[in-house]
Amino acid sequence: MKAVPHRFWQLRLGLTAAAAALALAGSQLKAVSFGASVALGGAAAVAMAAVGLLVGRRSSERVREWTPARSVSEAVKTEVFLFLTRSSAYEGSDREARLY
């Protein structure tokens, strides 16, 4: 459930970094080649437009499905840590029975 939103996040981050690098390269090449500068600026604009499309495409339904799963995962992890540290409800000799 986490893989798809995480992949979209990585792709957006990569495209944003690429757009920044292209825009910087375009600004530095302006004195040498105006055409190359415009081309790199255009490529940066296309990369940022792709980021905008990816943000719009992100499925809120997948995020809604992932959020409760993450919540349950954190609750289970909390119980495991309490059990391992013999804390709270798991202090007594019947701690294994309480875990189940």
N, C-alpha and C. Protein backbone atom coordinates (compact mmCIF):
# COMPACT_ATOMS: atom_id res chain seq x y z
N MET A 1 0.82 -1.20 0.00
CA MET A 1 0.00 0.00 0.00
C MET A 1 0.86 1.26 0.00
N LYS A 2 2.03 1.14 0.58
CA LYS A 2 2.89 2.30 0.68
C LYS A 2 3.73 2.50 -0.58
N ALA A 3 3.94 1.45 -1.35
CA ALA A 3 4.87 1.50 -2.47
C ALA A 3 4.45 2.50 -3.54
N VAL A 4 3.20 2.51 -3.92
CA VAL A 4 2.76 3.39 -5.01
C VAL A 4 2.86 4.86 -4.62
N PRO A 5 2.31 5.28 -3.47
CA PRO A 5 2.49 6.70 -3.10
C PRO A 5 3.96 7.08 -2.95
N HIS A 6 4.77 6.15 -2.42
CA HIS A 6 6.19 6.45 -2.26
C HIS A 6 6.89 6.58 -3.61
N ARG A 7 6.50 5.75 -4.57
CA ARG A 7 7.08 5.84 -5.91
C ARG A 7 6.73 7.17 -6.57
N PHE A 8 5.48 7.61 -6.42
CA PHE A 8 5.08 8.90 -6.97
C PHE A 8 5.86 10.03 -6.30
N TRP A 9 6.08 9.93 -5.01
CA TRP A 9 6.84 10.94 -4.29
C TRP A 9 8.27 11.00 -4.82
N GLN A 10 8.90 9.83 -5.01
CA GLN A 10 10.26 9.79 -5.54
C GLN A 10 10.33 10.38 -6.94
N LEU A 11 9.35 10.05 -7.77
CA LEU A 11 9.33 10.56 -9.14
C LEU A 11 9.16 12.07 -9.14
N ARG A 12 8.27 12.58 -8.31
CA ARG A 12 8.08 14.04 -8.23
C ARG A 12 9.34 14.73 -7.74
N LEU A 13 10.00 14.14 -6.75
CA LEU A 13 11.24 14.71 -6.24
C LEU A 13 12.31 14.72 -7.32
N GLY A 14 12.46 13.63 -8.05
CA GLY A 14 13.45 13.55 -9.12
C GLY A 14 13.17 14.55 -10.23
N LEU A 15 11.92 14.67 -10.63
CA LEU A 15 11.57 15.63 -11.68
C LEU A 15 11.78 17.08 -11.22
N THR A 16 11.50 17.36 -9.96
CA THR A 16 11.73 18.71 -9.44
C THR A 16 13.21 19.04 -9.44
N ALA A 17 14.04 18.09 -9.00
CA ALA A 17 15.49 18.31 -9.01
C ALA A 17 16.01 18.47 -10.44
N ALA A 18 15.50 17.66 -11.35
CA ALA A 18 15.92 17.77 -12.75
C ALA A 18 15.51 19.12 -13.33
N ALA A 19 14.31 19.57 -13.01
CA ALA A 19 13.85 20.87 -13.51
C ALA A 19 14.73 21.99 -12.98
N ALA A 20 15.11 21.92 -11.72
CA ALA A 20 15.99 22.93 -11.14
C ALA A 20 17.35 22.93 -11.82
N ALA A 21 17.89 21.74 -12.06
CA ALA A 21 19.20 21.63 -12.72
C ALA A 21 19.13 22.14 -14.16
N LEU A 22 18.06 21.80 -14.86
CA LEU A 22 17.91 22.28 -16.24
C LEU A 22 17.76 23.79 -16.30
N ALA A 23 16.99 24.35 -15.39
CA ALA A 23 16.82 25.81 -15.36
C ALA A 23 18.14 26.50 -15.04
N LEU A 24 18.90 25.95 -14.11
CA LEU A 24 20.20 26.53 -13.78
C LEU A 24 21.15 26.44 -14.97
N ALA A 25 21.20 25.28 -15.60
CA ALA A 25 22.07 25.13 -16.78
C ALA A 25 21.66 26.09 -17.88
N GLY A 26 20.35 26.25 -18.07
CA GLY A 26 19.87 27.17 -19.10
C GLY A 26 20.26 28.61 -18.82
N SER A 27 20.21 29.00 -17.55
CA SER A 27 20.60 30.37 -17.22
C SER A 27 22.09 30.60 -17.38
N GLN A 28 22.88 29.57 -17.17
CA GLN A 28 24.33 29.70 -17.30
C GLN A 28 24.77 29.68 -18.77
N LEU A 29 24.01 29.04 -19.64
CA LEU A 29 24.36 28.95 -21.06
C LEU A 29 23.88 30.14 -21.87
N LYS A 30 23.13 31.02 -21.27
CA LYS A 30 22.53 32.12 -22.01
C LYS A 30 23.58 32.95 -22.75
N ALA A 31 24.73 33.20 -22.11
CA ALA A 31 25.78 34.00 -22.73
C ALA A 31 26.45 33.26 -23.89
N VAL A 32 26.48 31.96 -23.83
CA VAL A 32 27.16 31.16 -24.84
C VAL A 32 26.23 30.83 -26.01
N SER A 33 25.05 30.33 -25.69
CA SER A 33 24.12 29.91 -26.75
C SER A 33 22.69 30.19 -26.28
N PHE A 34 22.09 31.20 -26.88
CA PHE A 34 20.73 31.56 -26.51
C PHE A 34 19.74 30.44 -26.82
N GLY A 35 19.94 29.75 -27.95
CA GLY A 35 19.05 28.64 -28.34
C GLY A 35 19.10 27.51 -27.34
N ALA A 36 20.31 27.14 -26.91
CA ALA A 36 20.45 26.07 -25.93
C ALA A 36 19.83 26.49 -24.59
N SER A 37 19.99 27.77 -24.26
CA SER A 37 19.41 28.29 -23.02
C SER A 37 17.88 28.17 -23.04
N VAL A 38 17.29 28.54 -24.16
CA VAL A 38 15.83 28.45 -24.30
C VAL A 38 15.38 26.99 -24.27
N ALA A 39 16.12 26.13 -24.92
CA ALA A 39 15.78 24.70 -24.95
C ALA A 39 15.82 24.10 -23.54
N LEU A 40 16.86 24.44 -22.78
CA LEU A 40 16.95 23.92 -21.41
C LEU A 40 15.85 24.51 -20.53
N GLY A 41 15.52 25.77 -20.74
CA GLY A 41 14.42 26.36 -19.99
C GLY A 41 13.10 25.69 -20.32
N GLY A 42 12.90 25.37 -21.59
CA GLY A 42 11.70 24.65 -22.01
C GLY A 42 11.64 23.26 -21.40
N ALA A 43 12.78 22.58 -21.37
CA ALA A 43 12.83 21.24 -20.76
C ALA A 43 12.51 21.32 -19.26
N ALA A 44 13.00 22.38 -18.61
CA ALA A 44 12.69 22.56 -17.18
C ALA A 44 11.19 22.79 -16.99
N ALA A 45 10.60 23.56 -17.88
CA ALA A 45 9.16 23.82 -17.79
C ALA A 45 8.36 22.53 -17.99
N VAL A 46 8.79 21.70 -18.92
CA VAL A 46 8.10 20.42 -19.17
C VAL A 46 8.22 19.52 -17.94
N ALA A 47 9.42 19.49 -17.33
CA ALA A 47 9.60 18.66 -16.13
C ALA A 47 8.70 19.13 -14.99
N MET A 48 8.57 20.43 -14.81
CA MET A 48 7.71 20.94 -13.75
C MET A 48 6.23 20.70 -14.07
N ALA A 49 5.88 20.75 -15.35
CA ALA A 49 4.50 20.43 -15.73
C ALA A 49 4.19 18.97 -15.42
N ALA A 50 5.18 18.09 -15.64
CA ALA A 50 5.00 16.68 -15.31
C ALA A 50 4.79 16.49 -13.81
N VAL A 51 5.50 17.27 -13.01
CA VAL A 51 5.31 17.21 -11.55
C VAL A 51 3.87 17.58 -11.21
N GLY A 52 3.37 18.64 -11.84
CA GLY A 52 1.99 19.05 -11.60
C GLY A 52 0.99 17.97 -11.99
N LEU A 53 1.25 17.29 -13.10
CA LEU A 53 0.35 16.22 -13.51
C LEU A 53 0.40 15.04 -12.55
N LEU A 54 1.58 14.74 -12.04
CA LEU A 54 1.70 13.63 -11.09
C LEU A 54 0.99 13.94 -9.78
N VAL A 55 1.05 15.19 -9.34
CA VAL A 55 0.34 15.56 -8.12
C VAL A 55 -1.15 15.38 -8.31
N GLY A 56 -1.65 15.78 -9.48
CA GLY A 56 -3.07 15.63 -9.76
C GLY A 56 -3.49 14.18 -9.90
N ARG A 57 -2.58 13.34 -10.33
CA ARG A 57 -2.89 11.94 -10.57
C ARG A 57 -2.85 11.09 -9.30
N ARG A 58 -2.20 11.61 -8.29
CA ARG A 58 -2.07 10.84 -7.05
C ARG A 58 -3.45 10.42 -6.55
N SER A 59 -3.58 9.19 -6.27
CA SER A 59 -4.88 8.67 -5.88
C SER A 59 -5.13 8.88 -4.40
N SER A 60 -6.12 9.70 -4.11
CA SER A 60 -6.45 9.93 -2.71
C SER A 60 -7.05 8.66 -2.09
N GLU A 61 -7.63 7.83 -2.93
CA GLU A 61 -8.20 6.56 -2.43
C GLU A 61 -7.09 5.66 -1.89
N ARG A 62 -5.96 5.61 -2.57
CA ARG A 62 -4.85 4.77 -2.09
C ARG A 62 -4.30 5.32 -0.78
N VAL A 63 -4.24 6.62 -0.66
CA VAL A 63 -3.77 7.22 0.58
C VAL A 63 -4.76 6.92 1.70
N ARG A 64 -6.06 6.98 1.39
CA ARG A 64 -7.08 6.65 2.40
C ARG A 64 -6.98 5.20 2.84
N GLU A 65 -6.62 4.31 1.93
CA GLU A 65 -6.45 2.90 2.29
C GLU A 65 -5.19 2.69 3.11
N TRP A 66 -4.14 3.43 2.77
CA TRP A 66 -2.85 3.23 3.42
C TRP A 66 -2.85 3.77 4.84
N THR A 67 -3.56 4.86 5.10
CA THR A 67 -3.51 5.50 6.41
C THR A 67 -4.00 4.59 7.53
N PRO A 68 -5.16 3.92 7.43
CA PRO A 68 -5.56 3.01 8.52
C PRO A 68 -4.60 1.82 8.66
N ALA A 69 -4.06 1.34 7.54
CA ALA A 69 -3.12 0.23 7.62
C ALA A 69 -1.87 0.65 8.40
N ARG A 70 -1.43 1.86 8.16
CA ARG A 70 -0.26 2.38 8.89
C ARG A 70 -0.59 2.53 10.37
N SER A 71 -1.79 2.98 10.67
CA SER A 71 -2.22 3.14 12.06
C SER A 71 -2.22 1.80 12.79
N VAL A 72 -2.74 0.78 12.15
CA VAL A 72 -2.76 -0.56 12.75
C VAL A 72 -1.34 -1.06 12.94
N SER A 73 -0.49 -0.82 11.96
CA SER A 73 0.90 -1.24 12.05
C SER A 73 1.60 -0.59 13.25
N GLU A 74 1.36 0.69 13.46
CA GLU A 74 1.96 1.39 14.60
C GLU A 74 1.41 0.86 15.92
N ALA A 75 0.12 0.53 15.98
CA ALA A 75 -0.46 -0.01 17.19
C ALA A 75 0.13 -1.38 17.54
N VAL A 76 0.33 -2.20 16.52
CA VAL A 76 0.95 -3.52 16.74
C VAL A 76 2.38 -3.35 17.24
N LYS A 77 3.10 -2.43 16.64
CA LYS A 77 4.48 -2.18 17.05
C LYS A 77 4.54 -1.71 18.50
N THR A 78 3.61 -0.86 18.90
CA THR A 78 3.55 -0.40 20.28
C THR A 78 3.34 -1.56 21.24
N GLU A 79 2.42 -2.45 20.91
CA GLU A 79 2.16 -3.61 21.77
C GLU A 79 3.39 -4.52 21.86
N VAL A 80 4.09 -4.71 20.75
CA VAL A 80 5.29 -5.55 20.76
C VAL A 80 6.35 -4.93 21.66
N PHE A 81 6.56 -3.63 21.58
CA PHE A 81 7.55 -2.97 22.43
C PHE A 81 7.15 -3.06 23.91
N LEU A 82 5.87 -2.87 24.21
CA LEU A 82 5.41 -3.00 25.59
C LEU A 82 5.63 -4.42 26.10
N PHE A 83 5.36 -5.41 25.25
CA PHE A 83 5.55 -6.81 25.63
C PHE A 83 7.03 -7.09 25.88
N LEU A 84 7.89 -6.64 24.97
CA LEU A 84 9.32 -6.93 25.11
C LEU A 84 9.95 -6.24 26.31
N THR A 85 9.43 -5.10 26.70
CA THR A 85 9.97 -4.38 27.85
C THR A 85 9.24 -4.72 29.15
N ARG A 86 8.27 -5.64 29.06
CA ARG A 86 7.48 -6.06 30.23
C ARG A 86 6.84 -4.86 30.91
N SER A 87 6.29 -3.97 30.10
CA SER A 87 5.66 -2.75 30.60
C SER A 87 4.15 -2.85 30.54
N SER A 88 3.50 -1.96 31.26
CA SER A 88 2.06 -1.78 31.21
C SER A 88 1.32 -3.09 31.51
N ALA A 89 0.51 -3.56 30.58
CA ALA A 89 -0.31 -4.76 30.80
C ALA A 89 0.51 -6.04 30.74
N TYR A 90 1.77 -5.96 30.37
CA TYR A 90 2.60 -7.15 30.19
C TYR A 90 3.63 -7.32 31.31
N GLU A 91 3.31 -6.84 32.51
CA GLU A 91 4.26 -6.93 33.62
C GLU A 91 4.22 -8.28 34.32
N GLY A 92 3.07 -8.92 34.36
CA GLY A 92 2.90 -10.14 35.13
C GLY A 92 3.43 -11.39 34.44
N SER A 93 3.24 -12.51 35.13
CA SER A 93 3.71 -13.79 34.60
C SER A 93 2.81 -14.30 33.49
N ASP A 94 1.60 -13.75 33.37
CA ASP A 94 0.67 -14.17 32.32
C ASP A 94 0.76 -13.26 31.08
N ARG A 95 1.91 -12.67 30.86
CA ARG A 95 2.04 -11.69 29.78
C ARG A 95 1.84 -12.31 28.39
N GLU A 96 2.24 -13.58 28.21
CA GLU A 96 2.03 -14.21 26.89
C GLU A 96 0.52 -14.36 26.61
N ALA A 97 -0.24 -14.72 27.61
CA ALA A 97 -1.68 -14.87 27.44
C ALA A 97 -2.33 -13.52 27.14
N ARG A 98 -1.85 -12.47 27.75
CA ARG A 98 -2.39 -11.14 27.51
C ARG A 98 -2.05 -10.63 26.10
N LEU A 99 -0.96 -11.07 25.57
CA LEU A 99 -0.56 -10.64 24.22
C LEU A 99 -1.55 -11.13 23.18
N TYR A 100 -2.08 -12.32 23.37
CA TYR A 100 -3.01 -12.89 22.41
C TYR A 100 -4.38 -12.40 22.72
